[in-house]
Amino acid sequence: MNPLEEELVYEQKIDEITVQLEELILDAMIAALQKIGKRNLEFIEASIRSQTDQMNF
């Protein structure tokens, strides 16, 4: 394989790795944001319950 072909193969592999890394990072960010959203909902629900309990006294 000549140097130009080797360079092209190398660049293609790097491009594939870059795409895979981007997908992994985006998946991790989505999972983290979903977890944060779920915790925020739980916090809001707990806050509402706390306010409701205080009103009953």
N, C-alpha and C. Protein backbone atom coordinates (compact mmCIF):
# COMPACT_ATOMS: atom_id res chain seq x y z
N MET A 1 0.85 -1.17 0.00
CA MET A 1 0.00 0.00 0.00
C MET A 1 0.90 1.25 0.00
N ASN A 2 0.59 2.15 -0.89
CA ASN A 2 1.42 3.36 -0.95
C ASN A 2 1.02 4.34 0.16
N PRO A 3 1.86 5.31 0.43
CA PRO A 3 1.60 6.24 1.55
C PRO A 3 0.27 6.99 1.44
N LEU A 4 -0.14 7.33 0.22
CA LEU A 4 -1.41 8.03 0.04
C LEU A 4 -2.59 7.14 0.42
N GLU A 5 -2.54 5.88 0.02
CA GLU A 5 -3.60 4.93 0.38
C GLU A 5 -3.64 4.71 1.89
N GLU A 6 -2.46 4.58 2.49
CA GLU A 6 -2.38 4.41 3.93
C GLU A 6 -2.97 5.61 4.66
N GLU A 7 -2.67 6.80 4.18
CA GLU A 7 -3.21 8.03 4.78
C GLU A 7 -4.73 8.07 4.67
N LEU A 8 -5.26 7.67 3.52
CA LEU A 8 -6.70 7.65 3.31
C LEU A 8 -7.37 6.65 4.25
N VAL A 9 -6.81 5.46 4.38
CA VAL A 9 -7.35 4.45 5.28
C VAL A 9 -7.31 4.95 6.71
N TYR A 10 -6.22 5.56 7.09
CA TYR A 10 -6.06 6.12 8.44
C TYR A 10 -7.12 7.18 8.70
N GLU A 11 -7.33 8.09 7.76
CA GLU A 11 -8.33 9.15 7.93
C GLU A 11 -9.74 8.57 8.03
N GLN A 12 -10.03 7.54 7.24
CA GLN A 12 -11.35 6.91 7.30
C GLN A 12 -11.59 6.28 8.67
N LYS A 13 -10.57 5.62 9.19
CA LYS A 13 -10.69 5.00 10.51
C LYS A 13 -10.88 6.06 11.60
N ILE A 14 -10.14 7.13 11.51
CA ILE A 14 -10.27 8.23 12.48
C ILE A 14 -11.68 8.82 12.39
N ASP A 15 -12.19 8.98 11.18
CA ASP A 15 -13.56 9.50 11.01
C ASP A 15 -14.59 8.57 11.65
N GLU A 16 -14.43 7.28 11.48
CA GLU A 16 -15.35 6.31 12.09
C GLU A 16 -15.29 6.39 13.62
N ILE A 17 -14.08 6.48 14.14
CA ILE A 17 -13.91 6.59 15.60
C ILE A 17 -14.56 7.88 16.10
N THR A 18 -14.39 8.96 15.37
CA THR A 18 -14.99 10.25 15.76
C THR A 18 -16.50 10.15 15.81
N VAL A 19 -17.10 9.54 14.80
CA VAL A 19 -18.55 9.38 14.76
C VAL A 19 -19.03 8.54 15.95
N GLN A 20 -18.35 7.45 16.23
CA GLN A 20 -18.73 6.59 17.34
C GLN A 20 -18.60 7.32 18.68
N LEU A 21 -17.53 8.09 18.85
CA LEU A 21 -17.35 8.86 20.08
C LEU A 21 -18.45 9.91 20.24
N GLU A 22 -18.79 10.59 19.16
CA GLU A 22 -19.86 11.58 19.22
C GLU A 22 -21.18 10.93 19.65
N GLU A 23 -21.47 9.77 19.09
CA GLU A 23 -22.70 9.07 19.45
C GLU A 23 -22.70 8.66 20.93
N LEU A 24 -21.56 8.16 21.40
CA LEU A 24 -21.46 7.77 22.80
C LEU A 24 -21.64 8.97 23.72
N ILE A 25 -21.00 10.07 23.37
CA ILE A 25 -21.11 11.27 24.20
C ILE A 25 -22.54 11.79 24.21
N LEU A 26 -23.17 11.82 23.05
CA LEU A 26 -24.56 12.29 22.99
C LEU A 26 -25.49 11.37 23.77
N ASP A 27 -25.28 10.06 23.67
CA ASP A 27 -26.10 9.12 24.44
C ASP A 27 -25.92 9.34 25.94
N ALA A 28 -24.68 9.57 26.36
CA ALA A 28 -24.41 9.81 27.78
C ALA A 28 -25.05 11.11 28.24
N MET A 29 -25.00 12.14 27.40
CA MET A 29 -25.61 13.42 27.76
C MET A 29 -27.13 13.28 27.86
N ILE A 30 -27.73 12.57 26.93
CA ILE A 30 -29.18 12.35 26.98
C ILE A 30 -29.56 11.61 28.25
N ALA A 31 -28.82 10.56 28.57
CA ALA A 31 -29.11 9.79 29.79
C ALA A 31 -28.98 10.67 31.03
N ALA A 32 -27.95 11.50 31.07
CA ALA A 32 -27.75 12.38 32.23
C ALA A 32 -28.88 13.39 32.34
N LEU A 33 -29.28 13.98 31.22
CA LEU A 33 -30.37 14.96 31.24
C LEU A 33 -31.70 14.31 31.65
N GLN A 34 -31.93 13.09 31.19
CA GLN A 34 -33.15 12.39 31.59
C GLN A 34 -33.14 12.13 33.09
N LYS A 35 -31.99 11.74 33.62
CA LYS A 35 -31.87 11.49 35.05
C LYS A 35 -32.10 12.77 35.85
N ILE A 36 -31.53 13.87 35.38
CA ILE A 36 -31.73 15.16 36.04
C ILE A 36 -33.21 15.54 36.00
N GLY A 37 -33.85 15.35 34.85
CA GLY A 37 -35.27 15.65 34.72
C GLY A 37 -36.11 14.84 35.68
N LYS A 38 -35.79 13.56 35.80
CA LYS A 38 -36.53 12.69 36.72
C LYS A 38 -36.34 13.16 38.16
N ARG A 39 -35.12 13.50 38.53
CA ARG A 39 -34.87 13.98 39.90
C ARG A 39 -35.58 15.30 40.16
N ASN A 40 -35.62 16.17 39.16
CA ASN A 40 -36.33 17.43 39.32
C ASN A 40 -37.81 17.19 39.57
N LEU A 41 -38.41 16.26 38.83
CA LEU A 41 -39.82 15.94 39.05
C LEU A 41 -40.05 15.38 40.45
N GLU A 42 -39.16 14.51 40.88
CA GLU A 42 -39.28 13.96 42.23
C GLU A 42 -39.16 15.06 43.29
N PHE A 43 -38.25 16.00 43.06
CA PHE A 43 -38.08 17.10 44.00
C PHE A 43 -39.33 17.97 44.04
N ILE A 44 -39.89 18.27 42.86
CA ILE A 44 -41.10 19.09 42.80
C ILE A 44 -42.25 18.38 43.51
N GLU A 45 -42.41 17.08 43.26
CA GLU A 45 -43.48 16.32 43.91
C GLU A 45 -43.29 16.32 45.43
N ALA A 46 -42.07 16.14 45.89
CA ALA A 46 -41.80 16.15 47.33
C ALA A 46 -42.09 17.52 47.92
N SER A 47 -41.74 18.56 47.18
CA SER A 47 -42.00 19.93 47.65
C SER A 47 -43.50 20.19 47.75
N ILE A 48 -44.25 19.73 46.77
CA ILE A 48 -45.71 19.91 46.79
C ILE A 48 -46.32 19.14 47.96
N ARG A 49 -45.85 17.91 48.18
CA ARG A 49 -46.35 17.12 49.31
C ARG A 49 -46.04 17.82 50.63
N SER A 50 -44.85 18.38 50.74
CA SER A 50 -44.45 19.07 51.97
C SER A 50 -45.33 20.29 52.21
N GLN A 51 -45.61 21.04 51.17
CA GLN A 51 -46.47 22.22 51.30
C GLN A 51 -47.89 21.82 51.67
N THR A 52 -48.37 20.72 51.08
CA THR A 52 -49.71 20.23 51.38
C THR A 52 -49.79 19.77 52.83
N ASP A 53 -48.76 19.09 53.28
CA ASP A 53 -48.73 18.62 54.69
C ASP A 53 -48.73 19.80 55.65
N GLN A 54 -48.01 20.86 55.31
CA GLN A 54 -47.95 22.03 56.19
C GLN A 54 -49.31 22.74 56.24
N MET A 55 -50.05 22.72 55.17
CA MET A 55 -51.35 23.37 55.12
C MET A 55 -52.38 22.61 55.96
N ASN A 56 -52.20 21.31 56.12
CA ASN A 56 -53.16 20.50 56.86
C ASN A 56 -53.08 20.74 58.37
N PHE A 57 -52.00 21.35 58.84
CA PHE A 57 -51.86 21.59 60.28
C PHE A 57 -52.55 22.82 60.71
